[in-house]
Amino acid sequence: KDVQDGSVELIDKLNILPEGGVGEELCLSASGNV
């Protein structure tokens, strides 16, 4: 929610919450090459 619109390219989505679990959407971003 704190990531500015269009500021990063999202290459995938990973959900590791248990079924019915509650968490938050995080953005794990790389700047430069890794």
PDB file of all heavy atoms in Angstrom:
ATOM      1  N   LYS A   1       0.819  -1.212   0.000  1.00  0.00           N
ATOM      2  CA  LYS A   1       0.000   0.000   0.000  1.00  0.00           C
ATOM      3  C   LYS A   1       0.852   1.261   0.000  1.00  0.00           C
ATOM      4  O   LYS A   1       0.371   2.351  -0.339  1.00  0.00           O
ATOM      5  CB  LYS A   1      -0.932   0.001   1.212  1.00  0.00           C
ATOM      6  CG  LYS A   1      -0.205   0.019   2.552  1.00  0.00           C
ATOM      7  CD  LYS A   1      -1.169  -0.087   3.710  1.00  0.00           C
ATOM      8  CE  LYS A   1      -0.411  -0.078   5.051  1.00  0.00           C
ATOM      9  NZ  LYS A   1      -1.343  -0.225   6.206  1.00  0.00           N
ATOM     10  N   ASP A   2       2.128   1.101   0.376  1.00  0.00           N
ATOM     11  CA  ASP A   2       3.024   2.261   0.412  1.00  0.00           C
ATOM     12  C   ASP A   2       3.840   2.413  -0.868  1.00  0.00           C
ATOM     13  O   ASP A   2       4.694   3.302  -0.956  1.00  0.00           O
ATOM     14  CB  ASP A   2       3.980   2.154   1.603  1.00  0.00           C
ATOM     15  CG  ASP A   2       3.251   2.184   2.935  1.00  0.00           C
ATOM     16  OD1 ASP A   2       2.180   2.822   3.000  1.00  0.00           O
ATOM     17  OD2 ASP A   2       3.738   1.559   3.898  1.00  0.00           O
ATOM     18  N   VAL A   3       3.601   1.535  -1.847  1.00  0.00           N
ATOM     19  CA  VAL A   3       4.339   1.602  -3.110  1.00  0.00           C
ATOM     20  C   VAL A   3       3.588   2.511  -4.070  1.00  0.00           C
ATOM     21  O   VAL A   3       2.388   2.330  -4.320  1.00  0.00           O
ATOM     22  CB  VAL A   3       4.505   0.199  -3.724  1.00  0.00           C
ATOM     23  CG1 VAL A   3       5.192   0.287  -5.077  1.00  0.00           C
ATOM     24  CG2 VAL A   3       5.290  -0.706  -2.786  1.00  0.00           C
ATOM     25  N   GLN A   4       4.289   3.475  -4.609  1.00  0.00           N
ATOM     26  CA  GLN A   4       3.672   4.410  -5.542  1.00  0.00           C
ATOM     27  C   GLN A   4       3.270   3.703  -6.821  1.00  0.00           C
ATOM     28  O   GLN A   4       4.018   2.885  -7.355  1.00  0.00           O
ATOM     29  CB  GLN A   4       4.652   5.552  -5.847  1.00  0.00           C
ATOM     30  CG  GLN A   4       4.090   6.619  -6.770  1.00  0.00           C
ATOM     31  CD  GLN A   4       5.091   7.718  -7.033  1.00  0.00           C
ATOM     32  OE1 GLN A   4       6.190   7.710  -6.492  1.00  0.00           O
ATOM     33  NE2 GLN A   4       4.711   8.674  -7.872  1.00  0.00           N
ATOM     34  N   ASP A   5       2.098   4.023  -7.321  1.00  0.00           N
ATOM     35  CA  ASP A   5       1.598   3.403  -8.552  1.00  0.00           C
ATOM     36  C   ASP A   5       2.610   3.542  -9.687  1.00  0.00           C
ATOM     37  O   ASP A   5       3.124   4.635  -9.949  1.00  0.00           O
ATOM     38  CB  ASP A   5       0.278   4.043  -8.979  1.00  0.00           C
ATOM     39  CG  ASP A   5      -0.887   3.627  -8.097  1.00  0.00           C
ATOM     40  OD1 ASP A   5      -0.667   2.780  -7.215  1.00  0.00           O
ATOM     41  OD2 ASP A   5      -1.985   4.162  -8.289  1.00  0.00           O
ATOM     42  N   GLY A   6       2.882   2.397 -10.348  1.00  0.00           N
ATOM     43  CA  GLY A   6       3.741   2.413 -11.518  1.00  0.00           C
ATOM     44  C   GLY A   6       5.215   2.570 -11.235  1.00  0.00           C
ATOM     45  O   GLY A   6       6.013   2.715 -12.165  1.00  0.00           O
ATOM     46  N   SER A   7       5.618   2.526  -9.980  1.00  0.00           N
ATOM     47  CA  SER A   7       7.016   2.771  -9.649  1.00  0.00           C
ATOM     48  C   SER A   7       7.882   1.532  -9.748  1.00  0.00           C
ATOM     49  O   SER A   7       9.108   1.632  -9.685  1.00  0.00           O
ATOM     50  CB  SER A   7       7.124   3.339  -8.225  1.00  0.00           C
ATOM     51  OG  SER A   7       6.631   2.399  -7.274  1.00  0.00           O
ATOM     52  N   VAL A   8       7.277   0.356  -9.898  1.00  0.00           N
ATOM     53  CA  VAL A   8       8.056  -0.871  -9.947  1.00  0.00           C
ATOM     54  C   VAL A   8       7.340  -1.901 -10.815  1.00  0.00           C
ATOM     55  O   VAL A   8       6.105  -1.915 -10.883  1.00  0.00           O
ATOM     56  CB  VAL A   8       8.283  -1.436  -8.513  1.00  0.00           C
ATOM     57  CG1 VAL A   8       6.971  -1.865  -7.881  1.00  0.00           C
ATOM     58  CG2 VAL A   8       9.273  -2.598  -8.527  1.00  0.00           C
ATOM     59  N   GLU A   9       8.120  -2.734 -11.496  1.00  0.00           N
ATOM     60  CA  GLU A   9       7.554  -3.820 -12.300  1.00  0.00           C
ATOM     61  C   GLU A   9       7.417  -5.064 -11.418  1.00  0.00           C
ATOM     62  O   GLU A   9       8.395  -5.543 -10.841  1.00  0.00           O
ATOM     63  CB  GLU A   9       8.465  -4.144 -13.482  1.00  0.00           C
ATOM     64  CG  GLU A   9       7.963  -5.322 -14.306  1.00  0.00           C
ATOM     65  CD  GLU A   9       9.043  -5.902 -15.210  1.00  0.00           C
ATOM     66  OE1 GLU A   9      10.231  -5.656 -14.947  1.00  0.00           O
ATOM     67  OE2 GLU A   9       8.667  -6.604 -16.158  1.00  0.00           O
ATOM     68  N   LEU A  10       6.208  -5.587 -11.313  1.00  0.00           N
ATOM     69  CA  LEU A  10       5.957  -6.791 -10.533  1.00  0.00           C
ATOM     70  C   LEU A  10       6.065  -8.007 -11.444  1.00  0.00           C
ATOM     71  O   LEU A  10       5.354  -8.105 -12.437  1.00  0.00           O
ATOM     72  CB  LEU A  10       4.571  -6.740  -9.898  1.00  0.00           C
ATOM     73  CG  LEU A  10       4.403  -5.666  -8.822  1.00  0.00           C
ATOM     74  CD1 LEU A  10       2.943  -5.468  -8.486  1.00  0.00           C
ATOM     75  CD2 LEU A  10       5.195  -6.033  -7.581  1.00  0.00           C
ATOM     76  N   ILE A  11       6.965  -8.929 -11.110  1.00  0.00           N
ATOM     77  CA  ILE A  11       7.161 -10.098 -11.971  1.00  0.00           C
ATOM     78  C   ILE A  11       6.398 -11.322 -11.488  1.00  0.00           C
ATOM     79  O   ILE A  11       6.225 -12.281 -12.242  1.00  0.00           O
ATOM     80  CB  ILE A  11       8.653 -10.443 -12.099  1.00  0.00           C
ATOM     81  CG1 ILE A  11       9.257 -10.816 -10.734  1.00  0.00           C
ATOM     82  CG2 ILE A  11       9.418  -9.303 -12.738  1.00  0.00           C
ATOM     83  CD1 ILE A  11      10.659 -11.393 -10.841  1.00  0.00           C
ATOM     84  N   ASP A  12       5.918 -11.308 -10.242  1.00  0.00           N
ATOM     85  CA  ASP A  12       5.186 -12.475  -9.743  1.00  0.00           C
ATOM     86  C   ASP A  12       4.509 -12.142  -8.424  1.00  0.00           C
ATOM     87  O   ASP A  12       4.793 -11.108  -7.797  1.00  0.00           O
ATOM     88  CB  ASP A  12       6.141 -13.661  -9.552  1.00  0.00           C
ATOM     89  CG  ASP A  12       5.411 -15.003  -9.509  1.00  0.00           C
ATOM     90  OD1 ASP A  12       4.192 -15.032  -9.756  1.00  0.00           O
ATOM     91  OD2 ASP A  12       6.065 -16.021  -9.233  1.00  0.00           O
ATOM     92  N   LYS A  13       3.624 -13.028  -8.028  1.00  0.00           N
ATOM     93  CA  LYS A  13       2.899 -12.905  -6.769  1.00  0.00           C
ATOM     94  C   LYS A  13       3.001 -14.231  -6.027  1.00  0.00           C
ATOM     95  O   LYS A  13       2.797 -15.293  -6.611  1.00  0.00           O
ATOM     96  CB  LYS A  13       1.432 -12.559  -7.033  1.00  0.00           C
ATOM     97  CG  LYS A  13       0.535 -12.593  -5.801  1.00  0.00           C
ATOM     98  CD  LYS A  13      -0.910 -12.276  -6.198  1.00  0.00           C
ATOM     99  CE  LYS A  13      -1.850 -12.404  -5.001  1.00  0.00           C
ATOM    100  NZ  LYS A  13      -3.242 -12.109  -5.379  1.00  0.00           N
ATOM    101  N   LEU A  14       3.342 -14.183  -4.753  1.00  0.00           N
ATOM    102  CA  LEU A  14       3.485 -15.391  -3.942  1.00  0.00           C
ATOM    103  C   LEU A  14       2.649 -15.256  -2.682  1.00  0.00           C
ATOM    104  O   LEU A  14       2.829 -14.310  -1.900  1.00  0.00           O
ATOM    105  CB  LEU A  14       4.963 -15.611  -3.574  1.00  0.00           C
ATOM    106  CG  LEU A  14       5.277 -16.856  -2.726  1.00  0.00           C
ATOM    107  CD1 LEU A  14       4.977 -18.129  -3.522  1.00  0.00           C
ATOM    108  CD2 LEU A  14       6.721 -16.845  -2.257  1.00  0.00           C
ATOM    109  N   ASN A  15       1.751 -16.209  -2.475  1.00  0.00           N
ATOM    110  CA  ASN A  15       0.893 -16.223  -1.295  1.00  0.00           C
ATOM    111  C   ASN A  15       1.317 -17.373  -0.397  1.00  0.00           C
ATOM    112  O   ASN A  15       1.166 -18.539  -0.768  1.00  0.00           O
ATOM    113  CB  ASN A  15      -0.569 -16.378  -1.712  1.00  0.00           C
ATOM    114  CG  ASN A  15      -1.526 -16.310  -0.526  1.00  0.00           C
ATOM    115  OD1 ASN A  15      -1.105 -16.313   0.634  1.00  0.00           O
ATOM    116  ND2 ASN A  15      -2.810 -16.234  -0.810  1.00  0.00           N
ATOM    117  N   ILE A  16       1.863 -17.077   0.766  1.00  0.00           N
ATOM    118  CA  ILE A  16       2.263 -18.129   1.698  1.00  0.00           C
ATOM    119  C   ILE A  16       1.502 -18.029   3.015  1.00  0.00           C
ATOM    120  O   ILE A  16       1.967 -18.488   4.055  1.00  0.00           O
ATOM    121  CB  ILE A  16       3.791 -18.105   1.955  1.00  0.00           C
ATOM    122  CG1 ILE A  16       4.255 -16.734   2.407  1.00  0.00           C
ATOM    123  CG2 ILE A  16       4.541 -18.518   0.705  1.00  0.00           C
ATOM    124  CD1 ILE A  16       5.737 -16.703   2.767  1.00  0.00           C
ATOM    125  N   LEU A  17       0.321 -17.448   2.950  1.00  0.00           N
ATOM    126  CA  LEU A  17      -0.558 -17.431   4.114  1.00  0.00           C
ATOM    127  C   LEU A  17      -1.265 -18.781   4.244  1.00  0.00           C
ATOM    128  O   LEU A  17      -1.620 -19.388   3.234  1.00  0.00           O
ATOM    129  CB  LEU A  17      -1.616 -16.336   3.978  1.00  0.00           C
ATOM    130  CG  LEU A  17      -1.154 -14.886   4.135  1.00  0.00           C
ATOM    131  CD1 LEU A  17      -2.289 -13.952   3.762  1.00  0.00           C
ATOM    132  CD2 LEU A  17      -0.693 -14.625   5.565  1.00  0.00           C
ATOM    133  N   PRO A  18      -1.482 -19.251   5.455  1.00  0.00           N
ATOM    134  CA  PRO A  18      -2.298 -20.456   5.613  1.00  0.00           C
ATOM    135  C   PRO A  18      -3.725 -20.162   5.162  1.00  0.00           C
ATOM    136  O   PRO A  18      -4.145 -19.004   5.089  1.00  0.00           O
ATOM    137  CB  PRO A  18      -2.231 -20.738   7.120  1.00  0.00           C
ATOM    138  CG  PRO A  18      -1.889 -19.423   7.737  1.00  0.00           C
ATOM    139  CD  PRO A  18      -1.028 -18.707   6.741  1.00  0.00           C
ATOM    140  N   GLU A  19      -4.446 -21.211   4.826  1.00  0.00           N
ATOM    141  CA  GLU A  19      -5.821 -21.041   4.358  1.00  0.00           C
ATOM    142  C   GLU A  19      -6.632 -20.289   5.403  1.00  0.00           C
ATOM    143  O   GLU A  19      -6.695 -20.676   6.569  1.00  0.00           O
ATOM    144  CB  GLU A  19      -6.469 -22.399   4.079  1.00  0.00           C
ATOM    145  CG  GLU A  19      -7.836 -22.293   3.448  1.00  0.00           C
ATOM    146  CD  GLU A  19      -8.404 -23.648   3.069  1.00  0.00           C
ATOM    147  OE1 GLU A  19      -7.674 -24.651   3.182  1.00  0.00           O
ATOM    148  OE2 GLU A  19      -9.574 -23.706   2.660  1.00  0.00           O
ATOM    149  N   GLY A  20      -7.228 -19.204   4.994  1.00  0.00           N
ATOM    150  CA  GLY A  20      -7.995 -18.377   5.917  1.00  0.00           C
ATOM    151  C   GLY A  20      -7.139 -17.457   6.760  1.00  0.00           C
ATOM    152  O   GLY A  20      -7.662 -16.723   7.603  1.00  0.00           O
ATOM    153  N   GLY A  21      -5.816 -17.487   6.540  1.00  0.00           N
ATOM    154  CA  GLY A  21      -4.920 -16.664   7.334  1.00  0.00           C
ATOM    155  C   GLY A  21      -4.996 -15.197   6.957  1.00  0.00           C
ATOM    156  O   GLY A  21      -5.418 -14.837   5.863  1.00  0.00           O
ATOM    157  N   VAL A  22      -4.564 -14.359   7.875  1.00  0.00           N
ATOM    158  CA  VAL A  22      -4.601 -12.919   7.681  1.00  0.00           C
ATOM    159  C   VAL A  22      -3.174 -12.388   7.680  1.00  0.00           C
ATOM    160  O   VAL A  22      -2.367 -12.728   8.542  1.00  0.00           O
ATOM    161  CB  VAL A  22      -5.412 -12.216   8.787  1.00  0.00           C
ATOM    162  CG1 VAL A  22      -5.389 -10.706   8.597  1.00  0.00           C
ATOM    163  CG2 VAL A  22      -6.842 -12.739   8.800  1.00  0.00           C
ATOM    164  N   GLY A  23      -2.864 -11.574   6.710  1.00  0.00           N
ATOM    165  CA  GLY A  23      -1.539 -10.973   6.637  1.00  0.00           C
ATOM    166  C   GLY A  23      -1.608  -9.685   5.863  1.00  0.00           C
ATOM    167  O   GLY A  23      -2.645  -9.034   5.786  1.00  0.00           O
ATOM    168  N   GLU A  24      -0.496  -9.302   5.258  1.00  0.00           N
ATOM    169  CA  GLU A  24      -0.452  -8.064   4.496  1.00  0.00           C
ATOM    170  C   GLU A  24       0.322  -8.284   3.207  1.00  0.00           C
ATOM    171  O   GLU A  24       1.214  -9.126   3.140  1.00  0.00           O
ATOM    172  CB  GLU A  24       0.221  -6.960   5.308  1.00  0.00           C
ATOM    173  CG  GLU A  24       0.150  -5.602   4.624  1.00  0.00           C
ATOM    174  CD  GLU A  24       0.562  -4.460   5.527  1.00  0.00           C
ATOM    175  OE1 GLU A  24       0.842  -4.711   6.712  1.00  0.00           O
ATOM    176  OE2 GLU A  24       0.603  -3.317   5.036  1.00  0.00           O
ATOM    177  N   GLU A  25      -0.038  -7.519   2.177  1.00  0.00           N
ATOM    178  CA  GLU A  25       0.681  -7.574   0.917  1.00  0.00           C
ATOM    179  C   GLU A  25       1.952  -6.748   1.043  1.00  0.00           C
ATOM    180  O   GLU A  25       1.902  -5.553   1.349  1.00  0.00           O
ATOM    181  CB  GLU A  25      -0.189  -7.042  -0.219  1.00  0.00           C
ATOM    182  CG  GLU A  25      -1.363  -7.944  -0.548  1.00  0.00           C
ATOM    183  CD  GLU A  25      -2.167  -7.401  -1.714  1.00  0.00           C
ATOM    184  OE1 GLU A  25      -2.069  -6.197  -1.992  1.00  0.00           O
ATOM    185  OE2 GLU A  25      -2.888  -8.211  -2.331  1.00  0.00           O
ATOM    186  N   LEU A  26       3.080  -7.401   0.784  1.00  0.00           N
ATOM    187  CA  LEU A  26       4.370  -6.735   0.856  1.00  0.00           C
ATOM    188  C   LEU A  26       4.975  -6.639  -0.535  1.00  0.00           C
ATOM    189  O   LEU A  26       4.669  -7.447  -1.418  1.00  0.00           O
ATOM    190  CB  LEU A  26       5.323  -7.493   1.777  1.00  0.00           C
ATOM    191  CG  LEU A  26       4.830  -7.783   3.197  1.00  0.00           C
ATOM    192  CD1 LEU A  26       5.891  -8.552   3.965  1.00  0.00           C
ATOM    193  CD2 LEU A  26       4.475  -6.489   3.915  1.00  0.00           C
ATOM    194  N   CYS A  27       5.855  -5.679  -0.713  1.00  0.00           N
ATOM    195  CA  CYS A  27       6.579  -5.512  -1.971  1.00  0.00           C
ATOM    196  C   CYS A  27       8.059  -5.731  -1.692  1.00  0.00           C
ATOM    197  O   CYS A  27       8.679  -4.965  -0.964  1.00  0.00           O
ATOM    198  CB  CYS A  27       6.344  -4.117  -2.535  1.00  0.00           C
ATOM    199  SG  CYS A  27       7.215  -3.815  -4.099  1.00  0.00           S
ATOM    200  N   LEU A  28       8.604  -6.813  -2.259  1.00  0.00           N
ATOM    201  CA  LEU A  28      10.020  -7.145  -2.118  1.00  0.00           C
ATOM    202  C   LEU A  28      10.686  -6.740  -3.427  1.00  0.00           C
ATOM    203  O   LEU A  28      10.596  -7.449  -4.434  1.00  0.00           O
ATOM    204  CB  LEU A  28      10.162  -8.637  -1.854  1.00  0.00           C
ATOM    205  CG  LEU A  28      11.527  -9.176  -1.448  1.00  0.00           C
ATOM    206  CD1 LEU A  28      12.034  -8.501  -0.186  1.00  0.00           C
ATOM    207  CD2 LEU A  28      11.452 -10.676  -1.240  1.00  0.00           C
ATOM    208  N   SER A  29      11.321  -5.591  -3.438  1.00  0.00           N
ATOM    209  CA  SER A  29      11.805  -5.012  -4.691  1.00  0.00           C
ATOM    210  C   SER A  29      13.323  -4.983  -4.756  1.00  0.00           C
ATOM    211  O   SER A  29      13.997  -4.738  -3.756  1.00  0.00           O
ATOM    212  CB  SER A  29      11.253  -3.591  -4.870  1.00  0.00           C
ATOM    213  OG  SER A  29      11.694  -2.749  -3.823  1.00  0.00           O
ATOM    214  N   ALA A  30      13.843  -5.259  -5.960  1.00  0.00           N
ATOM    215  CA  ALA A  30      15.277  -5.226  -6.214  1.00  0.00           C
ATOM    216  C   ALA A  30      15.613  -3.972  -7.006  1.00  0.00           C
ATOM    217  O   ALA A  30      14.999  -3.697  -8.037  1.00  0.00           O
ATOM    218  CB  ALA A  30      15.713  -6.453  -6.995  1.00  0.00           C
ATOM    219  N   SER A  31      16.584  -3.222  -6.521  1.00  0.00           N
ATOM    220  CA  SER A  31      17.103  -2.095  -7.294  1.00  0.00           C
ATOM    221  C   SER A  31      18.468  -2.503  -7.821  1.00  0.00           C
ATOM    222  O   SER A  31      19.325  -2.963  -7.067  1.00  0.00           O
ATOM    223  CB  SER A  31      17.214  -0.847  -6.411  1.00  0.00           C
ATOM    224  OG  SER A  31      18.060  -1.073  -5.306  1.00  0.00           O
ATOM    225  N   GLY A  32      18.674  -2.386  -9.122  1.00  0.00           N
ATOM    226  CA  GLY A  32      19.886  -2.911  -9.721  1.00  0.00           C
ATOM    227  C   GLY A  32      19.725  -4.399  -9.997  1.00  0.00           C
ATOM    228  O   GLY A  32      18.637  -4.964  -9.859  1.00  0.00           O
ATOM    229  N   ASN A  33      20.809  -5.060 -10.373  1.00  0.00           N
ATOM    230  CA  ASN A  33      20.758  -6.470 -10.744  1.00  0.00           C
ATOM    231  C   ASN A  33      21.144  -7.369  -9.579  1.00  0.00           C
ATOM    232  O   ASN A  33      22.193  -7.185  -8.953  1.00  0.00           O
ATOM    233  CB  ASN A  33      21.701  -6.748 -11.919  1.00  0.00           C
ATOM    234  CG  ASN A  33      21.259  -6.056 -13.195  1.00  0.00           C
ATOM    235  OD1 ASN A  33      20.071  -5.793 -13.379  1.00  0.00           O
ATOM    236  ND2 ASN A  33      22.199  -5.762 -14.075  1.00  0.00           N
ATOM    237  N   VAL A  34      20.305  -8.359  -9.321  1.00  0.00           N
ATOM    238  CA  VAL A  34      20.596  -9.399  -8.334  1.00  0.00           C
ATOM    239  C   VAL A  34      20.278 -10.745  -8.984  1.00  0.00           C
ATOM    240  O   VAL A  34      19.468 -10.825  -9.911  1.00  0.00           O
ATOM    241  CB  VAL A  34      19.773  -9.216  -7.039  1.00  0.00           C
ATOM    242  CG1 VAL A  34      20.235  -8.001  -6.266  1.00  0.00           C
ATOM    243  CG2 VAL A  34      18.281  -9.106  -7.359  1.00  0.00           C
TER     244      VAL A  34
END
